[in-house]
Amino acid sequence: MVYVIGVLLPPVLAAPLTAVWKLFDVLFIGLIQAFIFMLLTLVYFGLAREGLEQEHSH
């Protein structure tokens, strides 16, 4: 995506668009990815703990 912007547009337009794309990619996509991995980790630990509690109750 960034390569296509740099090749097709003049440098005056390509630099700001590349900067906006990088900010979107790093901030927005990165935060969503971190949130999903955190949520998956919490679910995994919750299920693992629930399994341990069932084993000890028998």
PDB file of N, CA and C in Angstrom:
ATOM      1  N   MET A   1       0.829  -1.189   0.000  1.00  0.00           N
ATOM      2  CA  MET A   1       0.000   0.000   0.000  1.00  0.00           C
ATOM      3  C   MET A   1       0.873   1.252   0.000  1.00  0.00           C
ATOM      4  N   VAL A   2       1.829   1.321   0.899  1.00  0.00           N
ATOM      5  CA  VAL A   2       2.683   2.492   0.987  1.00  0.00           C
ATOM      6  C   VAL A   2       3.532   2.609  -0.265  1.00  0.00           C
ATOM      7  N   TYR A   3       4.002   1.487  -0.791  1.00  0.00           N
ATOM      8  CA  TYR A   3       4.806   1.506  -2.017  1.00  0.00           C
ATOM      9  C   TYR A   3       3.987   2.032  -3.190  1.00  0.00           C
ATOM     10  N   VAL A   4       2.739   1.621  -3.287  1.00  0.00           N
ATOM     11  CA  VAL A   4       1.868   2.066  -4.379  1.00  0.00           C
ATOM     12  C   VAL A   4       1.629   3.569  -4.275  1.00  0.00           C
ATOM     13  N   ILE A   5       1.387   4.064  -3.069  1.00  0.00           N
ATOM     14  CA  ILE A   5       1.194   5.506  -2.884  1.00  0.00           C
ATOM     15  C   ILE A   5       2.442   6.260  -3.322  1.00  0.00           C
ATOM     16  N   GLY A   6       3.616   5.776  -2.929  1.00  0.00           N
ATOM     17  CA  GLY A   6       4.862   6.449  -3.265  1.00  0.00           C
ATOM     18  C   GLY A   6       5.154   6.460  -4.746  1.00  0.00           C
ATOM     19  N   VAL A   7       4.737   5.423  -5.459  1.00  0.00           N
ATOM     20  CA  VAL A   7       5.031   5.325  -6.890  1.00  0.00           C
ATOM     21  C   VAL A   7       4.024   6.119  -7.716  1.00  0.00           C
ATOM     22  N   LEU A   8       2.763   6.054  -7.374  1.00  0.00           N
ATOM     23  CA  LEU A   8       1.731   6.651  -8.212  1.00  0.00           C
ATOM     24  C   LEU A   8       1.526   8.147  -8.000  1.00  0.00           C
ATOM     25  N   LEU A   9       1.802   8.637  -6.809  1.00  0.00           N
ATOM     26  CA  LEU A   9       1.554  10.048  -6.517  1.00  0.00           C
ATOM     27  C   LEU A   9       2.850  10.841  -6.489  1.00  0.00           C
ATOM     28  N   PRO A  10       2.757  12.135  -6.729  1.00  0.00           N
ATOM     29  CA  PRO A  10       3.951  12.972  -6.601  1.00  0.00           C
ATOM     30  C   PRO A  10       4.398  13.021  -5.137  1.00  0.00           C
ATOM     31  N   PRO A  11       5.680  13.261  -4.909  1.00  0.00           N
ATOM     32  CA  PRO A  11       6.210  13.252  -3.536  1.00  0.00           C
ATOM     33  C   PRO A  11       5.519  14.224  -2.592  1.00  0.00           C
ATOM     34  N   VAL A  12       4.998  15.323  -3.116  1.00  0.00           N
ATOM     35  CA  VAL A  12       4.319  16.306  -2.264  1.00  0.00           C
ATOM     36  C   VAL A  12       3.067  15.700  -1.634  1.00  0.00           C
ATOM     37  N   LEU A  13       2.373  14.848  -2.355  1.00  0.00           N
ATOM     38  CA  LEU A  13       1.178  14.195  -1.832  1.00  0.00           C
ATOM     39  C   LEU A  13       1.488  12.862  -1.163  1.00  0.00           C
ATOM     40  N   ALA A  14       2.522  12.206  -1.633  1.00  0.00           N
ATOM     41  CA  ALA A  14       2.825  10.871  -1.120  1.00  0.00           C
ATOM     42  C   ALA A  14       3.310  10.911   0.327  1.00  0.00           C
ATOM     43  N   ALA A  15       4.098  11.910   0.693  1.00  0.00           N
ATOM     44  CA  ALA A  15       4.648  11.974   2.052  1.00  0.00           C
ATOM     45  C   ALA A  15       3.558  12.127   3.112  1.00  0.00           C
ATOM     46  N   PRO A  16       2.627  13.088   2.983  1.00  0.00           N
ATOM     47  CA  PRO A  16       1.565  13.180   4.003  1.00  0.00           C
ATOM     48  C   PRO A  16       0.653  11.956   4.044  1.00  0.00           C
ATOM     49  N   LEU A  17       0.333  11.408   2.878  1.00  0.00           N
ATOM     50  CA  LEU A  17      -0.535  10.225   2.866  1.00  0.00           C
ATOM     51  C   LEU A  17       0.161   9.021   3.496  1.00  0.00           C
ATOM     52  N   THR A  18       1.446   8.894   3.269  1.00  0.00           N
ATOM     53  CA  THR A  18       2.201   7.805   3.887  1.00  0.00           C
ATOM     54  C   THR A  18       2.233   7.981   5.399  1.00  0.00           C
ATOM     55  N   ALA A  19       2.411   9.218   5.866  1.00  0.00           N
ATOM     56  CA  ALA A  19       2.427   9.482   7.309  1.00  0.00           C
ATOM     57  C   ALA A  19       1.071   9.166   7.936  1.00  0.00           C
ATOM     58  N   VAL A  20       0.000   9.552   7.282  1.00  0.00           N
ATOM     59  CA  VAL A  20      -1.346   9.263   7.799  1.00  0.00           C
ATOM     60  C   VAL A  20      -1.574   7.755   7.836  1.00  0.00           C
ATOM     61  N   TRP A  21      -1.166   7.056   6.787  1.00  0.00           N
ATOM     62  CA  TRP A  21      -1.337   5.607   6.747  1.00  0.00           C
ATOM     63  C   TRP A  21      -0.556   4.924   7.864  1.00  0.00           C
ATOM     64  N   LYS A  22       0.678   5.369   8.095  1.00  0.00           N
ATOM     65  CA  LYS A  22       1.501   4.760   9.144  1.00  0.00           C
ATOM     66  C   LYS A  22       0.883   5.003  10.520  1.00  0.00           C
ATOM     67  N   LEU A  23       0.374   6.217  10.767  1.00  0.00           N
ATOM     68  CA  LEU A  23      -0.280   6.490  12.052  1.00  0.00           C
ATOM     69  C   LEU A  23      -1.503   5.599  12.242  1.00  0.00           C
ATOM     70  N   PHE A  24      -2.300   5.466  11.198  1.00  0.00           N
ATOM     71  CA  PHE A  24      -3.474   4.595  11.265  1.00  0.00           C
ATOM     72  C   PHE A  24      -3.056   3.155  11.523  1.00  0.00           C
ATOM     73  N   ASP A  25      -2.041   2.701  10.809  1.00  0.00           N
ATOM     74  CA  ASP A  25      -1.593   1.316  10.918  1.00  0.00           C
ATOM     75  C   ASP A  25      -1.029   1.029  12.303  1.00  0.00           C
ATOM     76  N   VAL A  26      -0.213   1.909  12.824  1.00  0.00           N
ATOM     77  CA  VAL A  26       0.441   1.672  14.112  1.00  0.00           C
ATOM     78  C   VAL A  26      -0.530   1.889  15.267  1.00  0.00           C
ATOM     79  N   LEU A  27      -1.250   2.991  15.263  1.00  0.00           N
ATOM     80  CA  LEU A  27      -2.110   3.311  16.410  1.00  0.00           C
ATOM     81  C   LEU A  27      -3.405   2.505  16.410  1.00  0.00           C
ATOM     82  N   PHE A  28      -4.178   2.623  15.365  1.00  0.00           N
ATOM     83  CA  PHE A  28      -5.500   2.008  15.371  1.00  0.00           C
ATOM     84  C   PHE A  28      -5.432   0.493  15.272  1.00  0.00           C
ATOM     85  N   ILE A  29      -4.758  -0.013  14.267  1.00  0.00           N
ATOM     86  CA  ILE A  29      -4.667  -1.459  14.073  1.00  0.00           C
ATOM     87  C   ILE A  29      -3.892  -2.098  15.222  1.00  0.00           C
ATOM     88  N   GLY A  30      -2.830  -1.459  15.673  1.00  0.00           N
ATOM     89  CA  GLY A  30      -2.036  -1.989  16.784  1.00  0.00           C
ATOM     90  C   GLY A  30      -2.834  -2.087  18.071  1.00  0.00           C
ATOM     91  N   LEU A  31      -3.635  -1.060  18.361  1.00  0.00           N
ATOM     92  CA  LEU A  31      -4.452  -1.093  19.575  1.00  0.00           C
ATOM     93  C   LEU A  31      -5.529  -2.172  19.508  1.00  0.00           C
ATOM     94  N   ILE A  32      -6.143  -2.329  18.363  1.00  0.00           N
ATOM     95  CA  ILE A  32      -7.150  -3.387  18.215  1.00  0.00           C
ATOM     96  C   ILE A  32      -6.503  -4.760  18.370  1.00  0.00           C
ATOM     97  N   GLN A  33      -5.343  -4.941  17.777  1.00  0.00           N
ATOM     98  CA  GLN A  33      -4.646  -6.221  17.880  1.00  0.00           C
ATOM     99  C   GLN A  33      -4.252  -6.508  19.333  1.00  0.00           C
ATOM    100  N   ALA A  34      -3.747  -5.513  20.034  1.00  0.00           N
ATOM    101  CA  ALA A  34      -3.372  -5.712  21.433  1.00  0.00           C
ATOM    102  C   ALA A  34      -4.596  -6.044  22.281  1.00  0.00           C
ATOM    103  N   PHE A  35      -5.723  -5.377  22.023  1.00  0.00           N
ATOM    104  CA  PHE A  35      -6.942  -5.654  22.772  1.00  0.00           C
ATOM    105  C   PHE A  35      -7.423  -7.082  22.531  1.00  0.00           C
ATOM    106  N   ILE A  36      -7.376  -7.540  21.293  1.00  0.00           N
ATOM    107  CA  ILE A  36      -7.831  -8.898  20.983  1.00  0.00           C
ATOM    108  C   ILE A  36      -6.940  -9.936  21.646  1.00  0.00           C
ATOM    109  N   PHE A  37      -5.622  -9.737  21.594  1.00  0.00           N
ATOM    110  CA  PHE A  37      -4.725 -10.694  22.246  1.00  0.00           C
ATOM    111  C   PHE A  37      -4.913 -10.692  23.757  1.00  0.00           C
ATOM    112  N   MET A  38      -5.148  -9.521  24.360  1.00  0.00           N
ATOM    113  CA  MET A  38      -5.407  -9.453  25.795  1.00  0.00           C
ATOM    114  C   MET A  38      -6.690 -10.216  26.140  1.00  0.00           C
ATOM    115  N   LEU A  39      -7.727 -10.010  25.324  1.00  0.00           N
ATOM    116  CA  LEU A  39      -8.997 -10.690  25.560  1.00  0.00           C
ATOM    117  C   LEU A  39      -8.855 -12.201  25.417  1.00  0.00           C
ATOM    118  N   LEU A  40      -8.134 -12.649  24.397  1.00  0.00           N
ATOM    119  CA  LEU A  40      -7.919 -14.086  24.214  1.00  0.00           C
ATOM    120  C   LEU A  40      -7.132 -14.684  25.378  1.00  0.00           C
ATOM    121  N   THR A  41      -6.150 -13.946  25.892  1.00  0.00           N
ATOM    122  CA  THR A  41      -5.367 -14.427  27.028  1.00  0.00           C
ATOM    123  C   THR A  41      -6.232 -14.553  28.270  1.00  0.00           C
ATOM    124  N   LEU A  42      -7.082 -13.559  28.506  1.00  0.00           N
ATOM    125  CA  LEU A  42      -7.973 -13.624  29.670  1.00  0.00           C
ATOM    126  C   LEU A  42      -8.950 -14.796  29.561  1.00  0.00           C
ATOM    127  N   VAL A  43      -9.479 -15.031  28.394  1.00  0.00           N
ATOM    128  CA  VAL A  43     -10.394 -16.160  28.201  1.00  0.00           C
ATOM    129  C   VAL A  43      -9.659 -17.471  28.423  1.00  0.00           C
ATOM    130  N   TYR A  44      -8.438 -17.583  27.887  1.00  0.00           N
ATOM    131  CA  TYR A  44      -7.651 -18.803  28.045  1.00  0.00           C
ATOM    132  C   TYR A  44      -7.369 -19.080  29.520  1.00  0.00           C
ATOM    133  N   PHE A  45      -6.901 -18.066  30.254  1.00  0.00           N
ATOM    134  CA  PHE A  45      -6.612 -18.256  31.673  1.00  0.00           C
ATOM    135  C   PHE A  45      -7.885 -18.550  32.464  1.00  0.00           C
ATOM    136  N   GLY A  46      -8.990 -17.925  32.085  1.00  0.00           N
ATOM    137  CA  GLY A  46     -10.252 -18.198  32.755  1.00  0.00           C
ATOM    138  C   GLY A  46     -10.702 -19.638  32.564  1.00  0.00           C
ATOM    139  N   LEU A  47     -10.571 -20.134  31.346  1.00  0.00           N
ATOM    140  CA  LEU A  47     -10.952 -21.523  31.083  1.00  0.00           C
ATOM    141  C   LEU A  47     -10.007 -22.502  31.774  1.00  0.00           C
ATOM    142  N   ALA A  48      -8.719 -22.182  31.806  1.00  0.00           N
ATOM    143  CA  ALA A  48      -7.759 -23.066  32.467  1.00  0.00           C
ATOM    144  C   ALA A  48      -8.032 -23.108  33.968  1.00  0.00           C
ATOM    145  N   ARG A  49      -8.345 -21.969  34.541  1.00  0.00           N
ATOM    146  CA  ARG A  49      -8.627 -21.926  35.982  1.00  0.00           C
ATOM    147  C   ARG A  49      -9.922 -22.661  36.299  1.00  0.00           C
ATOM    148  N   GLU A  50     -10.895 -22.510  35.436  1.00  0.00           N
ATOM    149  CA  GLU A  50     -12.167 -23.202  35.642  1.00  0.00           C
ATOM    150  C   GLU A  50     -11.961 -24.713  35.612  1.00  0.00           C
ATOM    151  N   GLY A  51     -11.099 -25.193  34.727  1.00  0.00           N
ATOM    152  CA  GLY A  51     -10.809 -26.627  34.668  1.00  0.00           C
ATOM    153  C   GLY A  51     -10.108 -27.111  35.928  1.00  0.00           C
ATOM    154  N   LEU A  52      -9.209 -26.301  36.476  1.00  0.00           N
ATOM    155  CA  LEU A  52      -8.516 -26.688  37.724  1.00  0.00           C
ATOM    156  C   LEU A  52      -9.470 -26.733  38.890  1.00  0.00           C
ATOM    157  N   GLU A  53     -10.408 -25.792  38.947  1.00  0.00           N
ATOM    158  CA  GLU A  53     -11.377 -25.766  40.042  1.00  0.00           C
ATOM    159  C   GLU A  53     -12.297 -26.990  39.988  1.00  0.00           C
ATOM    160  N   GLN A  54     -12.630 -27.452  38.809  1.00  0.00           N
ATOM    161  CA  GLN A  54     -13.488 -28.637  38.680  1.00  0.00           C
ATOM    162  C   GLN A  54     -12.738 -29.891  39.114  1.00  0.00           C
ATOM    163  N   GLU A  55     -11.447 -29.983  38.839  1.00  0.00           N
ATOM    164  CA  GLU A  55     -10.663 -31.147  39.235  1.00  0.00           C
ATOM    165  C   GLU A  55     -10.534 -31.225  40.754  1.00  0.00           C
ATOM    166  N   HIS A  56     -10.362 -30.094  41.418  1.00  0.00           N
ATOM    167  CA  HIS A  56     -10.188 -30.097  42.872  1.00  0.00           C
ATOM    168  C   HIS A  56     -11.498 -30.290  43.638  1.00  0.00           C
ATOM    169  N   SER A  57     -12.624 -30.048  42.985  1.00  0.00           N
ATOM    170  CA  SER A  57     -13.906 -30.186  43.696  1.00  0.00           C
ATOM    171  C   SER A  57     -14.381 -31.629  43.760  1.00  0.00           C
ATOM    172  N   HIS A  58     -13.798 -32.531  42.987  1.00  0.00           N
ATOM    173  CA  HIS A  58     -14.240 -33.933  42.999  1.00  0.00           C
ATOM    174  C   HIS A  58     -13.578 -34.705  44.102  1.00  0.00           C
TER     175      HIS A  58
END
